[in-house]
N, C-alpha and C. Protein backbone atom coordinates (compact mmCIF):
# COMPACT_ATOMS: atom_id res chain seq x y z
N UNK A 1 0.81 -1.20 0.00
CA UNK A 1 0.00 0.00 0.00
C UNK A 1 0.85 1.25 0.00
N UNK A 2 1.99 1.22 0.68
CA UNK A 2 2.78 2.43 0.81
C UNK A 2 3.64 2.65 -0.42
N UNK A 3 3.85 3.90 -0.75
CA UNK A 3 4.66 4.28 -1.91
C UNK A 3 5.99 4.84 -1.45
N UNK A 4 7.02 4.74 -2.33
CA UNK A 4 8.31 5.34 -2.02
C UNK A 4 8.22 6.85 -1.93
N UNK A 5 7.12 7.41 -2.48
CA UNK A 5 6.95 8.86 -2.45
C UNK A 5 6.54 9.36 -1.06
N UNK A 6 6.03 8.45 -0.23
CA UNK A 6 5.53 8.88 1.07
C UNK A 6 6.60 9.64 1.85
N UNK A 7 6.17 10.77 2.42
CA UNK A 7 7.03 11.62 3.24
C UNK A 7 8.17 12.24 2.44
N UNK A 8 8.09 12.25 1.12
CA UNK A 8 9.12 12.87 0.29
C UNK A 8 8.57 14.14 -0.33
N UNK A 9 9.45 14.90 -0.98
CA UNK A 9 9.01 16.14 -1.61
C UNK A 9 8.52 15.87 -3.02
N UNK A 10 7.43 16.50 -3.37
CA UNK A 10 6.98 16.44 -4.75
C UNK A 10 8.05 17.08 -5.63
N UNK A 11 8.33 16.51 -6.80
CA UNK A 11 9.36 17.08 -7.67
C UNK A 11 8.88 18.29 -8.45
N UNK A 12 7.67 18.71 -8.20
CA UNK A 12 7.15 19.88 -8.92
C UNK A 12 6.16 20.61 -8.03
N UNK A 13 5.91 21.85 -8.38
CA UNK A 13 4.92 22.64 -7.66
C UNK A 13 3.53 22.12 -8.01
N UNK A 14 2.71 21.93 -7.00
CA UNK A 14 1.39 21.34 -7.20
C UNK A 14 0.48 22.28 -7.98
N UNK A 15 -0.16 21.75 -8.98
CA UNK A 15 -1.24 22.44 -9.67
C UNK A 15 -2.52 21.73 -9.28
N UNK A 16 -3.22 22.22 -8.28
CA UNK A 16 -4.29 21.45 -7.65
C UNK A 16 -5.39 20.96 -8.59
N UNK A 17 -5.84 21.81 -9.51
CA UNK A 17 -6.94 21.39 -10.36
C UNK A 17 -8.28 21.76 -9.76
N UNK A 18 -9.30 20.98 -10.08
CA UNK A 18 -10.68 21.30 -9.68
C UNK A 18 -10.89 21.08 -8.18
N UNK A 19 -11.37 22.10 -7.48
CA UNK A 19 -11.70 21.94 -6.07
C UNK A 19 -13.01 21.19 -5.94
N UNK A 20 -13.03 20.13 -5.14
CA UNK A 20 -14.24 19.32 -5.01
C UNK A 20 -14.78 19.29 -3.58
N UNK A 21 -14.00 19.77 -2.60
CA UNK A 21 -14.49 19.77 -1.22
C UNK A 21 -13.62 20.68 -0.37
N UNK A 22 -14.17 21.05 0.80
CA UNK A 22 -13.43 21.82 1.80
C UNK A 22 -13.61 21.16 3.15
N UNK A 23 -12.57 21.31 3.99
CA UNK A 23 -12.63 20.72 5.31
C UNK A 23 -12.21 21.69 6.38
N UNK A 24 -11.94 21.16 7.59
CA UNK A 24 -11.49 21.98 8.69
C UNK A 24 -10.05 22.42 8.45
N UNK A 25 -9.55 23.31 9.29
CA UNK A 25 -8.15 23.77 9.25
C UNK A 25 -7.77 24.36 7.90
N UNK A 26 -8.72 25.02 7.26
CA UNK A 26 -8.46 25.67 5.98
C UNK A 26 -7.95 24.68 4.94
N UNK A 27 -8.48 23.47 4.95
CA UNK A 27 -8.04 22.45 3.99
C UNK A 27 -8.95 22.45 2.77
N UNK A 28 -8.37 22.04 1.65
CA UNK A 28 -9.09 21.95 0.38
C UNK A 28 -8.79 20.59 -0.24
N UNK A 29 -9.78 20.06 -0.96
CA UNK A 29 -9.61 18.80 -1.68
C UNK A 29 -9.75 19.09 -3.17
N UNK A 30 -8.76 18.63 -3.95
CA UNK A 30 -8.74 18.90 -5.38
C UNK A 30 -8.67 17.59 -6.17
N UNK A 31 -9.34 17.55 -7.29
CA UNK A 31 -9.15 16.44 -8.23
C UNK A 31 -7.85 16.72 -8.96
N UNK A 32 -6.89 15.80 -8.83
CA UNK A 32 -5.52 16.08 -9.28
C UNK A 32 -5.22 15.47 -10.65
N UNK A 33 -5.45 14.19 -10.78
CA UNK A 33 -5.22 13.47 -12.02
C UNK A 33 -6.15 12.28 -11.99
N UNK A 34 -6.33 11.56 -13.12
CA UNK A 34 -7.31 10.46 -13.13
C UNK A 34 -7.14 9.49 -11.96
N UNK A 35 -8.17 9.39 -11.14
CA UNK A 35 -8.16 8.43 -10.05
C UNK A 35 -7.56 8.89 -8.75
N UNK A 36 -7.13 10.16 -8.67
CA UNK A 36 -6.49 10.64 -7.45
C UNK A 36 -7.03 12.00 -7.05
N UNK A 37 -6.98 12.27 -5.74
CA UNK A 37 -7.30 13.61 -5.23
C UNK A 37 -6.14 14.08 -4.36
N UNK A 38 -6.01 15.40 -4.24
CA UNK A 38 -5.02 16.00 -3.36
C UNK A 38 -5.74 16.73 -2.24
N UNK A 39 -5.26 16.56 -1.02
CA UNK A 39 -5.78 17.30 0.12
C UNK A 39 -4.66 18.21 0.62
N UNK A 40 -4.90 19.51 0.58
CA UNK A 40 -3.88 20.49 0.96
C UNK A 40 -4.42 21.35 2.09
N UNK A 41 -3.63 21.48 3.16
CA UNK A 41 -4.01 22.31 4.29
C UNK A 41 -3.24 23.62 4.21
N UNK A 42 -3.97 24.73 4.26
CA UNK A 42 -3.34 26.04 4.12
C UNK A 42 -3.05 26.71 5.45
N UNK A 43 -3.43 26.09 6.56
CA UNK A 43 -3.13 26.66 7.87
C UNK A 43 -1.69 26.33 8.23
N UNK A 44 -0.90 27.36 8.48
CA UNK A 44 0.53 27.18 8.69
C UNK A 44 0.85 26.24 9.84
N UNK A 45 0.07 26.32 10.91
CA UNK A 45 0.35 25.51 12.10
C UNK A 45 0.19 24.02 11.84
N UNK A 46 -0.49 23.64 10.76
CA UNK A 46 -0.70 22.23 10.46
C UNK A 46 0.15 21.77 9.28
N UNK A 47 1.19 22.53 8.96
CA UNK A 47 2.04 22.18 7.84
C UNK A 47 3.46 21.83 8.26
N UNK A 48 3.62 21.38 9.50
CA UNK A 48 4.94 20.99 9.98
C UNK A 48 5.24 19.54 9.58
N UNK A 49 6.52 19.18 9.61
CA UNK A 49 6.91 17.80 9.35
C UNK A 49 6.35 16.88 10.42
N UNK A 50 6.29 17.39 11.66
CA UNK A 50 5.75 16.58 12.76
C UNK A 50 4.28 16.25 12.53
N UNK A 51 3.52 17.23 12.04
CA UNK A 51 2.11 17.00 11.78
C UNK A 51 1.92 15.97 10.66
N UNK A 52 2.75 16.07 9.62
CA UNK A 52 2.66 15.12 8.51
C UNK A 52 2.98 13.71 8.99
N UNK A 53 4.00 13.59 9.84
CA UNK A 53 4.37 12.28 10.38
C UNK A 53 3.25 11.70 11.24
N UNK A 54 2.60 12.55 12.03
CA UNK A 54 1.48 12.10 12.85
C UNK A 54 0.32 11.63 11.98
N UNK A 55 0.02 12.39 10.93
CA UNK A 55 -1.07 12.00 10.03
C UNK A 55 -0.78 10.67 9.34
N UNK A 56 0.47 10.48 8.95
CA UNK A 56 0.85 9.22 8.31
C UNK A 56 0.73 8.05 9.29
N UNK A 57 1.13 8.27 10.54
CA UNK A 57 1.02 7.21 11.55
C UNK A 57 -0.45 6.86 11.81
N UNK A 58 -1.31 7.87 11.86
CA UNK A 58 -2.75 7.61 12.02
C UNK A 58 -3.27 6.76 10.87
N UNK A 59 -2.89 7.12 9.64
CA UNK A 59 -3.33 6.37 8.47
C UNK A 59 -2.88 4.91 8.56
N UNK A 60 -1.62 4.69 8.90
CA UNK A 60 -1.11 3.33 8.96
C UNK A 60 -1.83 2.50 10.01
N UNK A 61 -2.18 3.13 11.14
CA UNK A 61 -2.92 2.41 12.17
C UNK A 61 -4.30 2.00 11.66
N UNK A 62 -5.06 2.96 11.12
CA UNK A 62 -6.42 2.64 10.68
C UNK A 62 -6.42 1.71 9.47
N UNK A 63 -5.42 1.85 8.61
CA UNK A 63 -5.31 0.94 7.47
C UNK A 63 -5.08 -0.48 7.95
N UNK A 64 -4.26 -0.64 8.98
CA UNK A 64 -3.97 -1.98 9.51
C UNK A 64 -5.19 -2.62 10.14
N UNK A 65 -6.10 -1.81 10.67
CA UNK A 65 -7.28 -2.34 11.34
C UNK A 65 -8.51 -2.44 10.43
N UNK A 66 -8.62 -1.53 9.47
CA UNK A 66 -9.83 -1.49 8.64
C UNK A 66 -9.59 -1.94 7.20
N UNK A 67 -8.33 -2.13 6.84
CA UNK A 67 -7.99 -2.73 5.55
C UNK A 67 -8.63 -2.09 4.34
N UNK A 68 -9.43 -2.86 3.62
CA UNK A 68 -10.01 -2.44 2.34
C UNK A 68 -10.95 -1.24 2.47
N UNK A 69 -11.34 -0.88 3.67
CA UNK A 69 -12.25 0.25 3.86
C UNK A 69 -11.51 1.59 3.96
N UNK A 70 -10.20 1.55 3.79
CA UNK A 70 -9.39 2.77 3.79
C UNK A 70 -8.66 2.84 2.45
N UNK A 71 -8.89 3.87 1.63
CA UNK A 71 -8.23 3.94 0.32
C UNK A 71 -6.74 4.21 0.44
N UNK A 72 -5.99 3.79 -0.57
CA UNK A 72 -4.55 4.04 -0.59
C UNK A 72 -4.28 5.54 -0.47
N UNK A 73 -3.35 5.88 0.41
CA UNK A 73 -3.07 7.28 0.70
C UNK A 73 -1.57 7.48 0.84
N UNK A 74 -1.07 8.61 0.32
CA UNK A 74 0.34 8.95 0.40
C UNK A 74 0.49 10.31 1.08
N UNK A 75 1.60 10.51 1.78
CA UNK A 75 1.84 11.74 2.53
C UNK A 75 3.11 12.40 2.02
N UNK A 76 2.96 13.61 1.50
CA UNK A 76 4.03 14.27 0.76
C UNK A 76 4.29 15.68 1.26
N UNK A 77 5.49 16.16 1.01
CA UNK A 77 5.84 17.55 1.26
C UNK A 77 5.97 18.23 -0.10
N UNK A 78 5.34 19.36 -0.27
CA UNK A 78 5.42 20.02 -1.56
C UNK A 78 5.20 21.51 -1.44
N UNK A 79 4.87 22.11 -2.56
CA UNK A 79 4.58 23.53 -2.61
C UNK A 79 3.19 23.73 -3.19
N UNK A 80 2.48 24.73 -2.65
CA UNK A 80 1.17 25.03 -3.22
C UNK A 80 1.33 25.91 -4.45
N UNK A 81 0.20 26.35 -4.98
CA UNK A 81 0.23 27.13 -6.21
C UNK A 81 0.94 28.47 -6.06
N UNK A 82 1.16 28.91 -4.80
CA UNK A 82 1.87 30.17 -4.55
C UNK A 82 3.31 29.95 -4.11
N UNK A 83 3.75 28.71 -4.16
CA UNK A 83 5.13 28.41 -3.80
C UNK A 83 5.39 28.20 -2.33
N UNK A 84 4.34 28.16 -1.51
CA UNK A 84 4.51 27.96 -0.07
C UNK A 84 4.62 26.47 0.26
N UNK A 85 5.44 26.16 1.29
CA UNK A 85 5.57 24.77 1.71
C UNK A 85 4.25 24.29 2.31
N UNK A 86 3.81 23.13 1.87
CA UNK A 86 2.56 22.57 2.39
C UNK A 86 2.68 21.06 2.55
N UNK A 87 1.92 20.53 3.49
CA UNK A 87 1.74 19.09 3.59
C UNK A 87 0.66 18.68 2.60
N UNK A 88 0.92 17.59 1.90
CA UNK A 88 -0.02 17.13 0.87
C UNK A 88 -0.42 15.70 1.16
N UNK A 89 -1.70 15.43 1.13
CA UNK A 89 -2.21 14.07 1.21
C UNK A 89 -2.74 13.71 -0.18
N UNK A 90 -2.17 12.69 -0.77
CA UNK A 90 -2.58 12.22 -2.10
C UNK A 90 -3.32 10.90 -1.90
N UNK A 91 -4.54 10.83 -2.37
CA UNK A 91 -5.40 9.68 -2.05
C UNK A 91 -6.15 9.19 -3.29
N UNK A 92 -6.31 7.87 -3.37
CA UNK A 92 -7.13 7.29 -4.43
C UNK A 92 -8.54 7.88 -4.33
N UNK A 93 -9.05 8.33 -5.46
CA UNK A 93 -10.37 8.95 -5.44
C UNK A 93 -11.46 7.88 -5.37
N UNK A 94 -12.43 8.10 -4.49
CA UNK A 94 -13.60 7.24 -4.39
C UNK A 94 -14.77 8.01 -5.02
N UNK A 95 -15.28 7.49 -6.10
CA UNK A 95 -16.39 8.14 -6.79
C UNK A 95 -17.68 7.81 -6.07
N UNK A 96 -18.26 8.79 -5.41
CA UNK A 96 -19.49 8.53 -4.68
C UNK A 96 -19.93 9.74 -3.87
N UNK A 97 -20.66 9.48 -2.79
CA UNK A 97 -21.21 10.53 -1.93
C UNK A 97 -20.79 10.30 -0.49
N UNK A 98 -20.67 11.39 0.25
CA UNK A 98 -20.39 11.25 1.68
C UNK A 98 -21.64 10.75 2.40
N UNK A 99 -21.44 10.07 3.52
CA UNK A 99 -22.58 9.65 4.33
C UNK A 99 -23.41 10.85 4.78
N UNK A 100 -22.74 11.99 4.95
CA UNK A 100 -23.45 13.19 5.36
C UNK A 100 -24.56 13.55 4.39
N UNK A 101 -24.39 13.22 3.12
CA UNK A 101 -25.38 13.59 2.10
C UNK A 101 -26.57 12.64 2.06
N UNK A 102 -26.49 11.51 2.76
CA UNK A 102 -27.59 10.54 2.77
C UNK A 102 -28.62 10.90 3.84
N UNK A 103 -29.87 10.78 3.48
CA UNK A 103 -30.94 10.91 4.48
C UNK A 103 -31.14 9.57 5.18
N UNK A 104 -31.81 9.60 6.32
CA UNK A 104 -32.13 8.35 7.00
C UNK A 104 -32.96 7.44 6.10
N UNK A 105 -33.86 8.04 5.33
CA UNK A 105 -34.73 7.27 4.45
C UNK A 105 -33.92 6.56 3.37
N UNK A 106 -32.92 7.24 2.82
CA UNK A 106 -32.07 6.61 1.80
C UNK A 106 -31.32 5.42 2.38
N UNK A 107 -30.84 5.55 3.60
CA UNK A 107 -30.13 4.44 4.22
C UNK A 107 -31.08 3.27 4.47
N UNK A 108 -32.29 3.56 4.90
CA UNK A 108 -33.29 2.51 5.14
C UNK A 108 -33.63 1.75 3.86
N UNK A 109 -33.58 2.43 2.74
CA UNK A 109 -33.96 1.81 1.46
C UNK A 109 -32.80 1.09 0.78
N UNK A 110 -31.58 1.32 1.23
CA UNK A 110 -30.40 0.74 0.58
C UNK A 110 -29.87 -0.41 1.42
N UNK A 111 -30.34 -1.62 1.13
CA UNK A 111 -29.98 -2.79 1.92
C UNK A 111 -28.48 -3.07 1.85
N UNK A 112 -27.88 -2.92 0.67
CA UNK A 112 -26.45 -3.18 0.53
C UNK A 112 -25.63 -2.21 1.37
N UNK A 113 -26.03 -0.94 1.38
CA UNK A 113 -25.32 0.04 2.19
C UNK A 113 -25.44 -0.31 3.67
N UNK A 114 -26.61 -0.71 4.11
CA UNK A 114 -26.80 -1.11 5.50
C UNK A 114 -25.82 -2.23 5.87
N UNK A 115 -25.76 -3.26 5.03
CA UNK A 115 -24.88 -4.40 5.31
C UNK A 115 -23.42 -3.98 5.35
N UNK A 116 -23.03 -3.15 4.40
CA UNK A 116 -21.63 -2.70 4.35
C UNK A 116 -21.27 -1.86 5.57
N UNK A 117 -22.18 -0.98 5.98
CA UNK A 117 -21.91 -0.15 7.15
C UNK A 117 -21.87 -0.98 8.42
N UNK A 118 -22.70 -2.01 8.51
CA UNK A 118 -22.67 -2.89 9.68
C UNK A 118 -21.29 -3.53 9.81
N UNK A 119 -20.75 -4.03 8.69
CA UNK A 119 -19.42 -4.66 8.72
C UNK A 119 -18.36 -3.65 9.16
N UNK A 120 -18.39 -2.46 8.56
CA UNK A 120 -17.40 -1.44 8.91
C UNK A 120 -17.54 -1.00 10.36
N UNK A 121 -18.77 -0.73 10.80
CA UNK A 121 -18.98 -0.28 12.17
C UNK A 121 -18.58 -1.36 13.18
N UNK A 122 -18.83 -2.62 12.86
CA UNK A 122 -18.42 -3.70 13.77
C UNK A 122 -16.90 -3.72 13.93
N UNK A 123 -16.19 -3.48 12.85
CA UNK A 123 -14.73 -3.44 12.93
C UNK A 123 -14.26 -2.26 13.79
N UNK A 124 -14.92 -1.12 13.63
CA UNK A 124 -14.53 0.06 14.41
C UNK A 124 -14.85 -0.14 15.89
N UNK A 125 -16.00 -0.76 16.18
CA UNK A 125 -16.36 -1.05 17.57
C UNK A 125 -15.31 -1.99 18.20
N UNK A 126 -14.91 -3.01 17.44
CA UNK A 126 -13.88 -3.93 17.94
C UNK A 126 -12.56 -3.19 18.18
N UNK A 127 -12.23 -2.27 17.29
CA UNK A 127 -11.02 -1.48 17.45
C UNK A 127 -11.08 -0.64 18.72
N UNK A 128 -12.24 -0.07 19.00
CA UNK A 128 -12.43 0.71 20.22
C UNK A 128 -12.24 -0.18 21.45
N UNK A 129 -12.79 -1.39 21.40
CA UNK A 129 -12.69 -2.30 22.54
C UNK A 129 -11.25 -2.79 22.75
N UNK A 130 -10.54 -3.06 21.66
CA UNK A 130 -9.20 -3.66 21.77
C UNK A 130 -8.07 -2.63 21.82
N UNK A 131 -8.23 -1.53 21.08
CA UNK A 131 -7.15 -0.55 20.96
C UNK A 131 -7.47 0.79 21.61
N UNK A 132 -8.75 1.00 21.94
CA UNK A 132 -9.13 2.26 22.57
C UNK A 132 -9.08 3.45 21.65
N UNK A 133 -9.25 3.22 20.33
CA UNK A 133 -9.22 4.32 19.36
C UNK A 133 -10.35 4.18 18.35
N UNK A 134 -10.80 5.33 17.84
CA UNK A 134 -11.74 5.34 16.72
C UNK A 134 -11.32 6.48 15.78
N UNK A 135 -11.73 6.38 14.51
CA UNK A 135 -11.49 7.52 13.61
C UNK A 135 -12.45 8.66 13.92
N UNK A 136 -12.24 9.78 13.26
CA UNK A 136 -13.13 10.93 13.42
C UNK A 136 -14.41 10.67 12.64
N UNK A 137 -15.48 10.31 13.36
CA UNK A 137 -16.76 9.98 12.73
C UNK A 137 -17.87 10.93 13.18
N UNK A 138 -17.49 12.13 13.56
CA UNK A 138 -18.48 13.12 13.97
C UNK A 138 -19.46 13.36 12.82
N UNK A 139 -20.74 13.32 13.15
CA UNK A 139 -21.78 13.57 12.15
C UNK A 139 -23.04 14.05 12.83
N UNK A 140 -23.81 14.92 12.17
CA UNK A 140 -25.01 15.48 12.80
C UNK A 140 -26.17 14.50 12.80
N UNK A 141 -27.12 14.77 13.66
CA UNK A 141 -28.38 14.04 13.63
C UNK A 141 -29.27 14.69 12.58
N UNK A 142 -29.65 13.94 11.57
CA UNK A 142 -30.49 14.52 10.52
C UNK A 142 -31.86 14.84 11.08
N UNK A 143 -32.38 15.99 10.66
CA UNK A 143 -33.70 16.39 11.14
C UNK A 143 -33.65 17.20 12.40
N UNK A 144 -32.43 17.38 12.99
CA UNK A 144 -32.31 18.18 14.20
C UNK A 144 -32.40 19.66 13.88
N UNK A 145 -32.49 20.48 14.91
CA UNK A 145 -32.57 21.92 14.69
C UNK A 145 -31.29 22.43 14.06
N UNK A 146 -31.42 23.35 13.13
CA UNK A 146 -30.28 23.82 12.35
C UNK A 146 -29.19 24.42 13.24
N UNK A 147 -29.58 25.11 14.31
CA UNK A 147 -28.58 25.73 15.20
C UNK A 147 -27.69 24.66 15.82
N UNK A 148 -28.32 23.59 16.33
CA UNK A 148 -27.56 22.53 16.96
C UNK A 148 -26.72 21.78 15.93
N UNK A 149 -27.30 21.53 14.77
CA UNK A 149 -26.58 20.82 13.72
C UNK A 149 -25.33 21.57 13.32
N UNK A 150 -25.42 22.89 13.29
CA UNK A 150 -24.30 23.71 12.82
C UNK A 150 -23.24 23.93 13.89
N UNK A 151 -23.65 24.09 15.13
CA UNK A 151 -22.70 24.53 16.14
C UNK A 151 -22.31 23.47 17.17
N UNK A 152 -22.94 22.31 17.15
CA UNK A 152 -22.54 21.28 18.10
C UNK A 152 -22.02 20.06 17.36
N UNK A 153 -20.91 19.48 17.82
CA UNK A 153 -20.42 18.28 17.16
C UNK A 153 -21.43 17.16 17.29
N UNK A 154 -21.68 16.46 16.23
CA UNK A 154 -22.68 15.40 16.25
C UNK A 154 -22.08 14.07 16.64
N UNK A 155 -22.93 13.17 17.06
CA UNK A 155 -22.48 11.86 17.52
C UNK A 155 -23.05 10.74 16.64
N UNK A 156 -23.39 11.08 15.40
CA UNK A 156 -24.05 10.11 14.51
C UNK A 156 -23.14 9.74 13.36
N UNK A 157 -22.39 8.63 13.51
CA UNK A 157 -21.42 8.23 12.48
C UNK A 157 -22.07 7.86 11.16
N UNK A 158 -23.36 7.52 11.18
CA UNK A 158 -24.04 7.19 9.92
C UNK A 158 -24.26 8.42 9.04
N UNK A 159 -23.89 9.60 9.56
CA UNK A 159 -23.99 10.84 8.77
C UNK A 159 -22.68 11.62 8.78
N UNK A 160 -21.56 10.92 8.94
CA UNK A 160 -20.28 11.61 8.95
C UNK A 160 -19.85 12.00 7.53
N UNK A 161 -19.19 13.15 7.37
CA UNK A 161 -18.64 13.50 6.06
C UNK A 161 -17.33 12.78 5.76
N UNK A 162 -16.79 12.05 6.74
CA UNK A 162 -15.48 11.42 6.57
C UNK A 162 -15.54 10.02 6.00
N UNK A 163 -16.75 9.56 5.67
CA UNK A 163 -16.92 8.29 4.96
C UNK A 163 -17.61 8.58 3.63
N UNK A 164 -17.02 8.08 2.55
CA UNK A 164 -17.62 8.20 1.22
C UNK A 164 -18.16 6.84 0.81
N UNK A 165 -19.38 6.83 0.29
CA UNK A 165 -20.03 5.61 -0.19
C UNK A 165 -19.82 5.52 -1.70
N UNK A 166 -19.16 4.47 -2.13
CA UNK A 166 -18.84 4.31 -3.55
C UNK A 166 -20.09 4.08 -4.39
N UNK A 167 -20.18 4.82 -5.47
CA UNK A 167 -21.31 4.68 -6.38
C UNK A 167 -21.29 3.29 -7.02
N UNK A 168 -22.44 2.65 -7.07
CA UNK A 168 -22.55 1.35 -7.71
C UNK A 168 -22.41 0.18 -6.75
N UNK A 169 -21.44 0.25 -5.83
CA UNK A 169 -21.21 -0.85 -4.89
C UNK A 169 -21.78 -0.58 -3.50
N UNK A 170 -22.04 0.69 -3.20
CA UNK A 170 -22.48 1.11 -1.85
C UNK A 170 -21.47 0.72 -0.78
N UNK A 171 -20.20 0.62 -1.17
CA UNK A 171 -19.15 0.29 -0.21
C UNK A 171 -18.64 1.57 0.45
N UNK A 172 -18.58 1.59 1.79
CA UNK A 172 -18.10 2.79 2.50
C UNK A 172 -16.59 2.80 2.63
N UNK A 173 -16.00 3.97 2.46
CA UNK A 173 -14.56 4.14 2.62
C UNK A 173 -14.29 5.27 3.60
N UNK A 174 -13.41 5.02 4.56
CA UNK A 174 -12.96 6.06 5.48
C UNK A 174 -11.89 6.88 4.76
N UNK A 175 -12.23 8.11 4.37
CA UNK A 175 -11.31 8.92 3.57
C UNK A 175 -10.53 9.93 4.41
N UNK A 176 -10.86 10.07 5.67
CA UNK A 176 -10.11 10.96 6.56
C UNK A 176 -9.65 10.15 7.77
N UNK A 177 -8.36 9.87 7.82
CA UNK A 177 -7.82 9.05 8.91
C UNK A 177 -7.07 9.87 9.94
N UNK A 178 -7.17 11.19 9.86
CA UNK A 178 -6.52 12.05 10.85
C UNK A 178 -7.36 12.05 12.12
N UNK A 179 -6.95 11.24 13.07
CA UNK A 179 -7.70 11.11 14.33
C UNK A 179 -6.69 10.92 15.46
N UNK A 180 -6.31 12.00 16.06
CA UNK A 180 -5.26 11.99 17.07
C UNK A 180 -5.67 11.21 18.32
N UNK A 181 -4.70 10.51 18.89
CA UNK A 181 -4.93 9.82 20.16
C UNK A 181 -5.35 10.81 21.24
N UNK A 182 -4.93 12.06 21.07
CA UNK A 182 -5.27 13.09 22.07
C UNK A 182 -6.77 13.37 22.12
N UNK A 183 -7.47 13.14 21.01
CA UNK A 183 -8.88 13.53 20.95
C UNK A 183 -9.85 12.39 20.64
N UNK A 184 -9.37 11.30 20.05
CA UNK A 184 -10.26 10.20 19.67
C UNK A 184 -9.76 8.88 20.23
N UNK A 185 -9.65 8.83 21.55
CA UNK A 185 -9.21 7.59 22.19
C UNK A 185 -9.73 7.54 23.63
N UNK A 186 -9.53 6.40 24.26
CA UNK A 186 -9.95 6.25 25.65
C UNK A 186 -9.06 7.04 26.61
N UNK A 187 -7.94 7.56 26.09
CA UNK A 187 -7.05 8.38 26.91
C UNK A 187 -7.30 9.87 26.73
N UNK A 188 -8.34 10.23 25.99
CA UNK A 188 -8.63 11.64 25.73
C UNK A 188 -9.21 12.32 26.97
N UNK A 189 -9.10 13.65 27.06
CA UNK A 189 -9.77 14.39 28.14
C UNK A 189 -11.27 14.10 28.12
N UNK A 190 -11.91 14.28 29.27
CA UNK A 190 -13.29 13.86 29.48
C UNK A 190 -14.26 14.28 28.37
N UNK A 191 -14.31 15.54 27.93
CA UNK A 191 -15.31 15.91 26.91
C UNK A 191 -15.14 15.13 25.61
N UNK A 192 -13.88 14.92 25.20
CA UNK A 192 -13.62 14.19 23.96
C UNK A 192 -13.90 12.70 24.14
N UNK A 193 -13.59 12.18 25.32
CA UNK A 193 -13.89 10.78 25.61
C UNK A 193 -15.39 10.53 25.54
N UNK A 194 -16.18 11.41 26.13
CA UNK A 194 -17.64 11.23 26.10
C UNK A 194 -18.16 11.29 24.67
N UNK A 195 -17.60 12.18 23.86
CA UNK A 195 -18.02 12.27 22.46
C UNK A 195 -17.75 10.95 21.74
N UNK A 196 -16.56 10.39 21.94
CA UNK A 196 -16.21 9.11 21.32
C UNK A 196 -17.12 8.00 21.81
N UNK A 197 -17.40 7.98 23.11
CA UNK A 197 -18.28 6.94 23.67
C UNK A 197 -19.69 7.03 23.08
N UNK A 198 -20.18 8.24 22.87
CA UNK A 198 -21.51 8.42 22.28
C UNK A 198 -21.53 7.99 20.82
N UNK A 199 -20.44 8.26 20.10
CA UNK A 199 -20.35 7.81 18.71
C UNK A 199 -20.35 6.29 18.64
N UNK A 200 -19.58 5.65 19.53
CA UNK A 200 -19.54 4.18 19.57
C UNK A 200 -20.92 3.63 19.93
N UNK A 201 -21.59 4.26 20.88
CA UNK A 201 -22.94 3.81 21.27
C UNK A 201 -23.90 3.88 20.09
N UNK A 202 -23.80 4.92 19.28
CA UNK A 202 -24.67 5.05 18.12
C UNK A 202 -24.30 4.05 17.02
N UNK A 203 -23.03 3.69 16.94
CA UNK A 203 -22.65 2.61 16.01
C UNK A 203 -23.28 1.30 16.45
N UNK A 204 -23.27 1.04 17.74
CA UNK A 204 -23.88 -0.19 18.26
C UNK A 204 -25.38 -0.21 17.94
N UNK A 205 -26.03 0.93 18.10
CA UNK A 205 -27.46 1.01 17.79
C UNK A 205 -27.71 0.75 16.31
N UNK A 206 -26.87 1.30 15.47
CA UNK A 206 -27.02 1.09 14.03
C UNK A 206 -26.86 -0.39 13.69
N UNK A 207 -25.83 -1.02 14.24
CA UNK A 207 -25.59 -2.44 13.98
C UNK A 207 -26.77 -3.28 14.46
N UNK A 208 -27.28 -2.98 15.64
CA UNK A 208 -28.42 -3.72 16.19
C UNK A 208 -29.66 -3.54 15.32
N UNK A 209 -29.86 -2.34 14.82
CA UNK A 209 -31.04 -2.03 14.02
C UNK A 209 -31.03 -2.76 12.69
N UNK A 210 -29.85 -2.88 12.07
CA UNK A 210 -29.78 -3.42 10.71
C UNK A 210 -29.16 -4.81 10.63
N UNK A 211 -29.10 -5.50 11.76
CA UNK A 211 -28.61 -6.88 11.76
C UNK A 211 -29.77 -7.86 11.91
């Protein structure tokens, strides 16, 4: 899975291409070349070598536990379109929709998606039990009040933007593996620990409902 390019410098200045998504920390996702996307963070504090190494370590951990549900990902040092040093995540593109874009009704009607999510969620629950870690699966409760949906972190992994459902197969892929032990583990401070526990509880409810 790993490439010799990982943790190396791109031999050219990145020409990002079409922007297809935005994330936290002033990050942007671009369609780069056939079958690949680039994730570039423009916040200076998140462009250190230490941060890139931490992100790579997170990826390797989740890849080892979730296998085929994590797309191939490379971690690079390069320059953005303005010549500034940036950390670059290069990832196999998954053609599909984020779980965030699915309504509860769509999930209820898609039997294959239900089965696939049950398998993935069971693996993540086991990982929480054995390793004390989960990925960032924050997602809002659909149908909730807009104020709460916008300003409070959600505990509903079935609506996380960090999982993309592949078109045609309904297979879910964890496309964001940046989940620090400081915030998404059993060793996290109390507020973050409770958030993770609530996310795991909702995964258990989902598995029970669709098994």
